[in-house]
All heavy atoms as atom14 arrays in JSON, in Angstrom:
{
  "sequence": "NLFRLLMIWLSPIMPDLISRTENFLKIKLSLKKYKNPLINHKISIFN",
  "atom14_mask": [
    [1, 1, 1, 1, 1, 1, 1, 1, 0, 0, 0, 0, 0, 0],
    [1, 1, 1, 1, 1, 1, 1, 1, 0, 0, 0, 0, 0, 0],
    [1, 1, 1, 1, 1, 1, 1, 1, 1, 1, 1, 0, 0, 0],
    [1, 1, 1, 1, 1, 1, 1, 1, 1, 1, 1, 0, 0, 0],
    [1, 1, 1, 1, 1, 1, 1, 1, 0, 0, 0, 0, 0, 0],
    [1, 1, 1, 1, 1, 1, 1, 1, 0, 0, 0, 0, 0, 0],
    [1, 1, 1, 1, 1, 1, 1, 1, 0, 0, 0, 0, 0, 0],
    [1, 1, 1, 1, 1, 1, 1, 1, 0, 0, 0, 0, 0, 0],
    [1, 1, 1, 1, 1, 1, 1, 1, 1, 1, 1, 1, 1, 1],
    [1, 1, 1, 1, 1, 1, 1, 1, 0, 0, 0, 0, 0, 0],
    [1, 1, 1, 1, 1, 1, 0, 0, 0, 0, 0, 0, 0, 0],
    [1, 1, 1, 1, 1, 1, 1, 0, 0, 0, 0, 0, 0, 0],
    [1, 1, 1, 1, 1, 1, 1, 1, 0, 0, 0, 0, 0, 0],
    [1, 1, 1, 1, 1, 1, 1, 1, 0, 0, 0, 0, 0, 0],
    [1, 1, 1, 1, 1, 1, 1, 0, 0, 0, 0, 0, 0, 0],
    [1, 1, 1, 1, 1, 1, 1, 1, 0, 0, 0, 0, 0, 0],
    [1, 1, 1, 1, 1, 1, 1, 1, 0, 0, 0, 0, 0, 0],
    [1, 1, 1, 1, 1, 1, 1, 1, 0, 0, 0, 0, 0, 0],
    [1, 1, 1, 1, 1, 1, 0, 0, 0, 0, 0, 0, 0, 0],
    [1, 1, 1, 1, 1, 1, 1, 1, 1, 1, 1, 0, 0, 0],
    [1, 1, 1, 1, 1, 1, 1, 0, 0, 0, 0, 0, 0, 0],
    [1, 1, 1, 1, 1, 1, 1, 1, 1, 0, 0, 0, 0, 0],
    [1, 1, 1, 1, 1, 1, 1, 1, 0, 0, 0, 0, 0, 0],
    [1, 1, 1, 1, 1, 1, 1, 1, 1, 1, 1, 0, 0, 0],
    [1, 1, 1, 1, 1, 1, 1, 1, 0, 0, 0, 0, 0, 0],
    [1, 1, 1, 1, 1, 1, 1, 1, 1, 0, 0, 0, 0, 0],
    [1, 1, 1, 1, 1, 1, 1, 1, 0, 0, 0, 0, 0, 0],
    [1, 1, 1, 1, 1, 1, 1, 1, 1, 0, 0, 0, 0, 0],
    [1, 1, 1, 1, 1, 1, 1, 1, 0, 0, 0, 0, 0, 0],
    [1, 1, 1, 1, 1, 1, 0, 0, 0, 0, 0, 0, 0, 0],
    [1, 1, 1, 1, 1, 1, 1, 1, 0, 0, 0, 0, 0, 0],
    [1, 1, 1, 1, 1, 1, 1, 1, 1, 0, 0, 0, 0, 0],
    [1, 1, 1, 1, 1, 1, 1, 1, 1, 0, 0, 0, 0, 0],
    [1, 1, 1, 1, 1, 1, 1, 1, 1, 1, 1, 1, 0, 0],
    [1, 1, 1, 1, 1, 1, 1, 1, 1, 0, 0, 0, 0, 0],
    [1, 1, 1, 1, 1, 1, 1, 1, 0, 0, 0, 0, 0, 0],
    [1, 1, 1, 1, 1, 1, 1, 0, 0, 0, 0, 0, 0, 0],
    [1, 1, 1, 1, 1, 1, 1, 1, 0, 0, 0, 0, 0, 0],
    [1, 1, 1, 1, 1, 1, 1, 1, 0, 0, 0, 0, 0, 0],
    [1, 1, 1, 1, 1, 1, 1, 1, 0, 0, 0, 0, 0, 0],
    [1, 1, 1, 1, 1, 1, 1, 1, 1, 1, 0, 0, 0, 0],
    [1, 1, 1, 1, 1, 1, 1, 1, 1, 0, 0, 0, 0, 0],
    [1, 1, 1, 1, 1, 1, 1, 1, 0, 0, 0, 0, 0, 0],
    [1, 1, 1, 1, 1, 1, 0, 0, 0, 0, 0, 0, 0, 0],
    [1, 1, 1, 1, 1, 1, 1, 1, 0, 0, 0, 0, 0, 0],
    [1, 1, 1, 1, 1, 1, 1, 1, 1, 1, 1, 0, 0, 0],
    [1, 1, 1, 1, 1, 1, 1, 1, 0, 0, 0, 0, 0, 0]
  ],
  "atom14_positions": [
    [[-6.53, 5.2, 2.96], [-5.68, 4.81, 4.09], [-6.12, 3.49, 4.7], [-5.29, 2.67, 5.11], [-5.66, 5.92, 5.14], [-4.54, 6.92, 4.9], [-3.41, 6.71, 5.29], [-4.88, 7.99, 4.19], [0.0, 0.0, 0.0], [0.0, 0.0, 0.0], [0.0, 0.0, 0.0], [0.0, 0.0, 0.0], [0.0, 0.0, 0.0], [0.0, 0.0, 0.0]],
    [[-7.43, 3.26, 4.76], [-7.92, 1.97, 5.28], [-7.59, 0.85, 4.3], [-7.2, -0.25, 4.7], [-9.42, 2.05, 5.53], [-9.87, 3.09, 6.57], [-11.39, 3.04, 6.76], [-9.16, 2.91, 7.91], [0.0, 0.0, 0.0], [0.0, 0.0, 0.0], [0.0, 0.0, 0.0], [0.0, 0.0, 0.0], [0.0, 0.0, 0.0], [0.0, 0.0, 0.0]],
    [[-7.7, 1.14, 2.99], [-7.29, 0.19, 1.95], [-5.81, -0.16, 2.1], [-5.42, -1.33, 2.03], [-7.56, 0.8, 0.57], [-6.89, 0.07, -0.56], [-7.37, -1.14, -1.02], [-5.75, 0.61, -1.17], [-6.74, -1.82, -2.07], [-5.12, -0.05, -2.22], [-5.62, -1.27, -2.66], [0.0, 0.0, 0.0], [0.0, 0.0, 0.0], [0.0, 0.0, 0.0]],
    [[-4.98, 0.87, 2.33], [-3.54, 0.64, 2.5], [-3.26, -0.32, 3.65], [-2.43, -1.24, 3.53], [-2.83, 1.97, 2.73], [-1.38, 1.85, 3.14], [-0.74, 3.21, 3.34], [0.49, 3.11, 4.1], [0.58, 3.35, 5.42], [-0.5, 3.69, 6.1], [1.74, 3.23, 6.04], [0.0, 0.0, 0.0], [0.0, 0.0, 0.0], [0.0, 0.0, 0.0]],
    [[-3.94, -0.14, 4.79], [-3.71, -1.03, 5.93], [-4.18, -2.45, 5.63], [-3.52, -3.43, 6.01], [-4.41, -0.48, 7.17], [-3.76, 0.78, 7.78], [-4.61, 1.33, 8.91], [-2.34, 0.48, 8.28], [0.0, 0.0, 0.0], [0.0, 0.0, 0.0], [0.0, 0.0, 0.0], [0.0, 0.0, 0.0], [0.0, 0.0, 0.0], [0.0, 0.0, 0.0]],
    [[-5.29, -2.59, 4.94], [-5.77, -3.92, 4.54], [-4.74, -4.61, 3.66], [-4.48, -5.82, 3.8], [-7.11, -3.82, 3.81], [-8.33, -3.4, 4.63], [-9.51, -3.08, 3.72], [-8.72, -4.51, 5.62], [0.0, 0.0, 0.0], [0.0, 0.0, 0.0], [0.0, 0.0, 0.0], [0.0, 0.0, 0.0], [0.0, 0.0, 0.0], [0.0, 0.0, 0.0]],
    [[-4.13, -3.86, 2.75], [-3.14, -4.44, 1.85], [-1.85, -4.78, 2.59], [-1.17, -5.76, 2.26], [-2.84, -3.48, 0.69], [-4.03, -3.21, -0.21], [-4.85, -4.71, -0.79], [-3.63, -5.37, -1.89], [0.0, 0.0, 0.0], [0.0, 0.0, 0.0], [0.0, 0.0, 0.0], [0.0, 0.0, 0.0], [0.0, 0.0, 0.0], [0.0, 0.0, 0.0]],
    [[-1.5, -3.98, 3.59], [-0.33, -4.32, 4.43], [-0.58, -5.66, 5.13], [0.32, -6.5, 5.2], [-0.05, -3.19, 5.45], [0.59, -2.0, 4.73], [0.87, -3.68, 6.57], [0.73, -0.76, 5.59], [0.0, 0.0, 0.0], [0.0, 0.0, 0.0], [0.0, 0.0, 0.0], [0.0, 0.0, 0.0], [0.0, 0.0, 0.0], [0.0, 0.0, 0.0]],
    [[-1.79, -5.87, 5.6], [-2.13, -7.15, 6.26], [-2.03, -8.32, 5.27], [-1.69, -9.43, 5.65], [-3.54, -7.09, 6.83], [-3.74, -6.07, 7.9], [-2.77, -5.34, 8.55], [-4.98, -5.63, 8.46], [-3.32, -4.49, 9.47], [-4.69, -4.64, 9.45], [-6.31, -5.97, 8.25], [-5.66, -4.0, 10.19], [-7.3, -5.33, 8.99], [-6.98, -4.35, 9.95]],
    [[-2.32, -8.03, 4.01], [-2.27, -9.07, 2.98], [-0.88, -9.26, 2.38], [-0.66, -10.18, 1.6], [-3.24, -8.73, 1.84], [-4.7, -9.15, 1.97], [-5.51, -8.58, 0.81], [-4.85, -10.67, 2.01], [0.0, 0.0, 0.0], [0.0, 0.0, 0.0], [0.0, 0.0, 0.0], [0.0, 0.0, 0.0], [0.0, 0.0, 0.0], [0.0, 0.0, 0.0]],
    [[0.07, -8.4, 2.74], [1.34, -8.34, 2.01], [2.13, -9.64, 1.96], [2.72, -9.96, 0.91], [2.2, -7.19, 2.52], [2.37, -7.25, 3.91], [0.0, 0.0, 0.0], [0.0, 0.0, 0.0], [0.0, 0.0, 0.0], [0.0, 0.0, 0.0], [0.0, 0.0, 0.0], [0.0, 0.0, 0.0], [0.0, 0.0, 0.0], [0.0, 0.0, 0.0]],
    [[2.2, -10.47, 3.02], [2.92, -11.74, 2.86], [2.14, -12.78, 2.05], [2.71, -13.77, 1.6], [3.1, -12.23, 4.31], [2.8, -11.05, 5.17], [1.79, -10.25, 4.42], [0.0, 0.0, 0.0], [0.0, 0.0, 0.0], [0.0, 0.0, 0.0], [0.0, 0.0, 0.0], [0.0, 0.0, 0.0], [0.0, 0.0, 0.0], [0.0, 0.0, 0.0]],
    [[0.83, -12.54, 1.88], [-0.05, -13.55, 1.27], [-0.16, -13.39, -0.24], [-0.11, -14.37, -0.98], [-1.45, -13.49, 1.93], [-1.32, -13.8, 3.43], [-2.42, -14.47, 1.26], [-2.59, -13.56, 4.23], [0.0, 0.0, 0.0], [0.0, 0.0, 0.0], [0.0, 0.0, 0.0], [0.0, 0.0, 0.0], [0.0, 0.0, 0.0], [0.0, 0.0, 0.0]],
    [[-0.31, -12.15, -0.73], [-0.56, -11.9, -2.16], [0.5, -10.96, -2.74], [0.22, -9.79, -2.99], [-1.97, -11.33, -2.34], [-3.06, -12.22, -1.79], [-4.73, -11.57, -2.05], [-5.0, -11.95, -3.79], [0.0, 0.0, 0.0], [0.0, 0.0, 0.0], [0.0, 0.0, 0.0], [0.0, 0.0, 0.0], [0.0, 0.0, 0.0], [0.0, 0.0, 0.0]],
    [[1.71, -11.45, -2.98], [2.82, -10.57, -3.39], [2.62, -9.86, -4.71], [3.07, -8.72, -4.87], [4.03, -11.51, -3.42], [3.47, -12.89, -3.5], [2.15, -12.85, -2.79], [0.0, 0.0, 0.0], [0.0, 0.0, 0.0], [0.0, 0.0, 0.0], [0.0, 0.0, 0.0], [0.0, 0.0, 0.0], [0.0, 0.0, 0.0], [0.0, 0.0, 0.0]],
    [[1.97, -10.51, -5.69], [1.76, -9.84, -6.99], [0.79, -8.67, -6.85], [1.02, -7.59, -7.41], [1.24, -10.84, -8.03], [2.32, -11.78, -8.52], [3.52, -11.42, -8.42], [1.99, -12.87, -9.01], [0.0, 0.0, 0.0], [0.0, 0.0, 0.0], [0.0, 0.0, 0.0], [0.0, 0.0, 0.0], [0.0, 0.0, 0.0], [0.0, 0.0, 0.0]],
    [[-0.3, -8.89, -6.13], [-1.26, -7.81, -5.89], [-0.6, -6.67, -5.11], [-0.85, -5.49, -5.39], [-2.47, -8.35, -5.12], [-3.51, -7.32, -4.66], [-4.06, -6.52, -5.85], [-4.64, -7.99, -3.89], [0.0, 0.0, 0.0], [0.0, 0.0, 0.0], [0.0, 0.0, 0.0], [0.0, 0.0, 0.0], [0.0, 0.0, 0.0], [0.0, 0.0, 0.0]],
    [[0.24, -7.0, -4.16], [0.93, -5.99, -3.36], [1.84, -5.15, -4.24], [1.91, -3.93, -4.1], [1.73, -6.64, -2.21], [0.79, -7.38, -1.26], [2.56, -5.61, -1.47], [-0.38, -6.57, -0.74], [0.0, 0.0, 0.0], [0.0, 0.0, 0.0], [0.0, 0.0, 0.0], [0.0, 0.0, 0.0], [0.0, 0.0, 0.0], [0.0, 0.0, 0.0]],
    [[2.52, -5.77, -5.17], [3.42, -5.05, -6.08], [2.64, -4.03, -6.91], [3.06, -2.88, -7.08], [4.14, -6.05, -6.99], [4.99, -5.38, -7.88], [0.0, 0.0, 0.0], [0.0, 0.0, 0.0], [0.0, 0.0, 0.0], [0.0, 0.0, 0.0], [0.0, 0.0, 0.0], [0.0, 0.0, 0.0], [0.0, 0.0, 0.0], [0.0, 0.0, 0.0]],
    [[1.48, -4.45, -7.43], [0.63, -3.53, -8.22], [0.09, -2.41, -7.33], [-0.02, -1.25, -7.77], [-0.52, -4.3, -8.86], [-0.08, -5.29, -9.94], [-1.24, -5.82, -10.74], [-2.12, -6.68, -9.97], [-1.97, -7.99, -9.82], [-0.93, -8.62, -10.38], [-2.83, -8.71, -9.12], [0.0, 0.0, 0.0], [0.0, 0.0, 0.0], [0.0, 0.0, 0.0]],
    [[-0.25, -2.75, -6.1], [-0.77, -1.75, -5.15], [0.29, -0.72, -4.81], [0.0, 0.47, -4.68], [-1.28, -2.45, -3.88], [-2.31, -3.38, -4.22], [-1.83, -1.44, -2.88], [0.0, 0.0, 0.0], [0.0, 0.0, 0.0], [0.0, 0.0, 0.0], [0.0, 0.0, 0.0], [0.0, 0.0, 0.0], [0.0, 0.0, 0.0], [0.0, 0.0, 0.0]],
    [[1.53, -1.17, -4.64], [2.63, -0.24, -4.34], [2.82, 0.76, -5.48], [3.1, 1.94, -5.25], [3.91, -1.01, -4.06], [3.89, -1.73, -2.72], [5.11, -2.6, -2.47], [5.78, -3.01, -3.45], [5.4, -2.89, -1.29], [0.0, 0.0, 0.0], [0.0, 0.0, 0.0], [0.0, 0.0, 0.0], [0.0, 0.0, 0.0], [0.0, 0.0, 0.0]],
    [[2.66, 0.29, -6.72], [2.76, 1.19, -7.87], [1.6, 2.18, -7.87], [1.79, 3.36, -8.21], [2.75, 0.39, -9.17], [4.02, -0.41, -9.37], [5.08, -0.05, -8.86], [3.93, -1.51, -10.1], [0.0, 0.0, 0.0], [0.0, 0.0, 0.0], [0.0, 0.0, 0.0], [0.0, 0.0, 0.0], [0.0, 0.0, 0.0], [0.0, 0.0, 0.0]],
    [[0.43, 1.73, -7.5], [-0.76, 2.59, -7.44], [-0.62, 3.64, -6.34], [-0.86, 4.84, -6.56], [-2.01, 1.72, -7.22], [-3.2, 2.46, -6.7], [-3.73, 3.55, -7.39], [-3.81, 2.05, -5.52], [-4.85, 4.23, -6.9], [-4.93, 2.73, -5.02], [-5.44, 3.82, -5.72], [0.0, 0.0, 0.0], [0.0, 0.0, 0.0], [0.0, 0.0, 0.0]],
    [[-0.21, 3.21, -5.15], [-0.1, 4.13, -4.01], [1.2, 4.94, -4.01], [1.33, 5.9, -3.26], [-0.22, 3.36, -2.7], [-1.57, 2.71, -2.39], [-1.51, 1.94, -1.07], [-2.69, 3.74, -2.34], [0.0, 0.0, 0.0], [0.0, 0.0, 0.0], [0.0, 0.0, 0.0], [0.0, 0.0, 0.0], [0.0, 0.0, 0.0], [0.0, 0.0, 0.0]],
    [[2.17, 4.49, -4.83], [3.49, 5.13, -4.89], [4.17, 5.11, -3.52], [4.76, 6.11, -3.08], [3.39, 6.58, -5.39], [2.97, 6.7, -6.85], [3.01, 8.16, -7.29], [2.7, 8.3, -8.76], [2.74, 9.72, -9.19], [0.0, 0.0, 0.0], [0.0, 0.0, 0.0], [0.0, 0.0, 0.0], [0.0, 0.0, 0.0], [0.0, 0.0, 0.0]],
    [[4.08, 3.97, -2.87], [4.71, 3.82, -1.56], [4.97, 2.34, -1.29], [4.24, 1.47, -1.79], [3.84, 4.42, -0.43], [4.64, 4.56, 0.87], [2.57, 3.62, -0.23], [3.94, 5.37, 1.94], [0.0, 0.0, 0.0], [0.0, 0.0, 0.0], [0.0, 0.0, 0.0], [0.0, 0.0, 0.0], [0.0, 0.0, 0.0], [0.0, 0.0, 0.0]],
    [[6.0, 2.02, -0.54], [6.3, 0.64, -0.15], [5.41, 0.24, 1.01], [5.26, 0.99, 1.98], [7.78, 0.53, 0.27], [8.28, -0.89, 0.46], [8.56, -1.55, -0.85], [9.17, -2.93, -0.65], [9.23, -3.71, -1.89], [0.0, 0.0, 0.0], [0.0, 0.0, 0.0], [0.0, 0.0, 0.0], [0.0, 0.0, 0.0], [0.0, 0.0, 0.0]],
    [[4.77, -0.92, 0.89], [3.93, -1.42, 1.97], [4.77, -2.25, 2.92], [5.53, -3.12, 2.49], [2.79, -2.27, 1.41], [1.81, -1.53, 0.48], [0.8, -2.49, -0.11], [1.11, -0.4, 1.21], [0.0, 0.0, 0.0], [0.0, 0.0, 0.0], [0.0, 0.0, 0.0], [0.0, 0.0, 0.0], [0.0, 0.0, 0.0], [0.0, 0.0, 0.0]],
    [[4.65, -2.0, 4.21], [5.53, -2.65, 5.18], [4.77, -3.04, 6.45], [3.99, -2.25, 6.98], [6.68, -1.71, 5.54], [7.42, -2.2, 6.64], [0.0, 0.0, 0.0], [0.0, 0.0, 0.0], [0.0, 0.0, 0.0], [0.0, 0.0, 0.0], [0.0, 0.0, 0.0], [0.0, 0.0, 0.0], [0.0, 0.0, 0.0], [0.0, 0.0, 0.0]],
    [[5.04, -4.26, 6.92], [4.5, -4.69, 8.21], [5.26, -4.06, 9.37], [4.86, -4.18, 10.52], [4.58, -6.22, 8.33], [3.51, -7.03, 7.61], [3.87, -8.5, 7.63], [2.14, -6.8, 8.22], [0.0, 0.0, 0.0], [0.0, 0.0, 0.0], [0.0, 0.0, 0.0], [0.0, 0.0, 0.0], [0.0, 0.0, 0.0], [0.0, 0.0, 0.0]],
    [[6.36, -3.41, 9.06], [7.2, -2.8, 10.09], [6.89, -1.31, 10.24], [6.82, -0.77, 11.35], [8.67, -3.01, 9.73], [9.63, -2.89, 10.91], [11.03, -3.26, 10.47], [12.0, -3.16, 11.63], [13.38, -3.42, 11.22], [0.0, 0.0, 0.0], [0.0, 0.0, 0.0], [0.0, 0.0, 0.0], [0.0, 0.0, 0.0], [0.0, 0.0, 0.0]],
    [[6.69, -0.65, 9.1], [6.41, 0.8, 9.11], [5.02, 1.03, 8.54], [4.85, 1.13, 7.33], [7.46, 1.54, 8.29], [8.88, 1.4, 8.84], [9.89, 2.08, 7.92], [11.31, 1.9, 8.44], [12.32, 2.51, 7.54], [0.0, 0.0, 0.0], [0.0, 0.0, 0.0], [0.0, 0.0, 0.0], [0.0, 0.0, 0.0], [0.0, 0.0, 0.0]],
    [[4.05, 1.08, 9.41], [2.67, 1.21, 8.95], [1.86, 2.25, 9.71], [0.73, 2.57, 9.35], [1.96, -0.15, 9.09], [1.93, -0.69, 10.5], [0.95, -0.29, 11.4], [2.89, -1.59, 10.94], [0.93, -0.77, 12.71], [2.89, -2.08, 12.24], [1.9, -1.67, 13.12], [1.88, -2.15, 14.4], [0.0, 0.0, 0.0], [0.0, 0.0, 0.0]],
    [[2.42, 2.8, 10.79], [1.63, 3.65, 11.7], [1.27, 5.01, 11.11], [0.16, 5.5, 11.29], [2.37, 3.81, 13.02], [2.46, 2.52, 13.81], [3.14, 2.7, 15.15], [3.21, 1.37, 15.9], [3.9, 1.49, 17.2], [0.0, 0.0, 0.0], [0.0, 0.0, 0.0], [0.0, 0.0, 0.0], [0.0, 0.0, 0.0], [0.0, 0.0, 0.0]],
    [[2.21, 5.64, 10.4], [1.94, 6.98, 9.86], [0.97, 6.91, 8.69], [1.19, 6.14, 7.74], [3.24, 7.66, 9.43], [4.14, 7.95, 10.61], [3.68, 8.13, 11.73], [5.44, 7.97, 10.36], [0.0, 0.0, 0.0], [0.0, 0.0, 0.0], [0.0, 0.0, 0.0], [0.0, 0.0, 0.0], [0.0, 0.0, 0.0], [0.0, 0.0, 0.0]],
    [[-0.09, 7.72, 8.71], [-1.06, 7.67, 7.61], [-0.49, 8.26, 6.33], [0.5, 9.0, 6.34], [-2.22, 8.53, 8.14], [-1.59, 9.45, 9.13], [-0.47, 8.68, 9.76], [0.0, 0.0, 0.0], [0.0, 0.0, 0.0], [0.0, 0.0, 0.0], [0.0, 0.0, 0.0], [0.0, 0.0, 0.0], [0.0, 0.0, 0.0], [0.0, 0.0, 0.0]],
    [[-1.13, 7.94, 5.23], [-0.73, 8.43, 3.91], [-1.52, 9.72, 3.64], [-2.68, 9.66, 3.25], [-1.03, 7.35, 2.86], [-0.29, 7.38, 1.53], [1.21, 7.3, 1.74], [-0.76, 6.24, 0.65], [0.0, 0.0, 0.0], [0.0, 0.0, 0.0], [0.0, 0.0, 0.0], [0.0, 0.0, 0.0], [0.0, 0.0, 0.0], [0.0, 0.0, 0.0]],
    [[-0.91, 10.86, 3.9], [-1.58, 12.14, 3.71], [-0.67, 13.09, 2.93], [0.55, 12.92, 2.89], [-2.0, 12.79, 5.05], [-0.81, 12.86, 6.02], [-3.16, 12.04, 5.67], [-1.12, 13.55, 7.34], [0.0, 0.0, 0.0], [0.0, 0.0, 0.0], [0.0, 0.0, 0.0], [0.0, 0.0, 0.0], [0.0, 0.0, 0.0], [0.0, 0.0, 0.0]],
    [[-1.33, 14.09, 2.29], [-0.6, 15.05, 1.46], [0.35, 14.32, 0.5], [1.53, 14.66, 0.36], [0.19, 16.04, 2.34], [0.6, 17.28, 1.56], [-0.06, 17.66, 0.6], [1.7, 17.89, 1.97], [0.0, 0.0, 0.0], [0.0, 0.0, 0.0], [0.0, 0.0, 0.0], [0.0, 0.0, 0.0], [0.0, 0.0, 0.0], [0.0, 0.0, 0.0]],
    [[-0.18, 13.33, -0.15], [0.61, 12.39, -0.97], [-0.14, 12.16, -2.29], [-1.35, 12.04, -2.31], [0.78, 11.07, -0.2], [1.45, 9.98, -0.97], [2.82, 9.83, -1.04], [0.93, 8.95, -1.71], [3.11, 8.77, -1.78], [1.98, 8.24, -2.2], [0.0, 0.0, 0.0], [0.0, 0.0, 0.0], [0.0, 0.0, 0.0], [0.0, 0.0, 0.0]],
    [[0.61, 12.08, -3.37], [-0.02, 11.88, -4.68], [-0.01, 10.4, -5.06], [1.03, 9.75, -5.0], [0.69, 12.69, -5.75], [-0.03, 12.69, -7.09], [0.52, 13.74, -8.04], [-0.31, 13.77, -9.33], [0.14, 14.85, -10.23], [0.0, 0.0, 0.0], [0.0, 0.0, 0.0], [0.0, 0.0, 0.0], [0.0, 0.0, 0.0], [0.0, 0.0, 0.0]],
    [[-1.17, 9.88, -5.42], [-1.29, 8.49, -5.86], [-1.37, 8.44, -7.38], [-1.63, 9.44, -8.04], [-2.51, 7.78, -5.23], [-3.81, 8.49, -5.65], [-2.38, 7.72, -3.71], [-5.08, 7.76, -5.22], [0.0, 0.0, 0.0], [0.0, 0.0, 0.0], [0.0, 0.0, 0.0], [0.0, 0.0, 0.0], [0.0, 0.0, 0.0], [0.0, 0.0, 0.0]],
    [[-1.18, 7.25, -7.94], [-1.26, 7.07, -9.39], [-2.72, 6.94, -9.84], [-3.62, 6.75, -9.02], [-0.5, 5.81, -9.81], [0.85, 5.91, -9.48], [0.0, 0.0, 0.0], [0.0, 0.0, 0.0], [0.0, 0.0, 0.0], [0.0, 0.0, 0.0], [0.0, 0.0, 0.0], [0.0, 0.0, 0.0], [0.0, 0.0, 0.0], [0.0, 0.0, 0.0]],
    [[-2.91, 7.0, -11.14], [-4.23, 6.7, -11.72], [-4.54, 5.24, -11.42], [-3.7, 4.37, -11.59], [-4.23, 6.93, -13.25], [-3.93, 8.4, -13.56], [-5.56, 6.5, -13.86], [-5.0, 9.37, -13.13], [0.0, 0.0, 0.0], [0.0, 0.0, 0.0], [0.0, 0.0, 0.0], [0.0, 0.0, 0.0], [0.0, 0.0, 0.0], [0.0, 0.0, 0.0]],
    [[-5.77, 4.98, -10.96], [-6.16, 3.61, -10.61], [-6.37, 2.79, -11.88], [-7.12, 3.16, -12.77], [-7.45, 3.63, -9.79], [-7.93, 2.25, -9.38], [-7.45, 1.65, -8.24], [-8.85, 1.56, -10.17], [-7.88, 0.38, -7.86], [-9.29, 0.3, -9.81], [-8.8, -0.29, -8.66], [0.0, 0.0, 0.0], [0.0, 0.0, 0.0], [0.0, 0.0, 0.0]],
    [[-5.66, 1.67, -11.96], [-5.92, 0.65, -12.99], [-6.44, -0.59, -12.3], [-6.29, -0.73, -11.09], [-4.63, 0.33, -13.77], [-4.2, 1.48, -14.65], [-5.02, 2.04, -15.37], [-2.93, 1.84, -14.58], [0.0, 0.0, 0.0], [0.0, 0.0, 0.0], [0.0, 0.0, 0.0], [0.0, 0.0, 0.0], [0.0, 0.0, 0.0], [0.0, 0.0, 0.0]]
  ]
}
């Protein structure tokens, strides 16, 4: 969850990394919708 917030902060800066991260976390990263934590959620295998 802390990683997710760090990546949200980076989202306008590193778009390719963000795209790969979204596939890993199976969720869209947003500067608008970020308050709810990522819980009871299945993530992908880390590459």
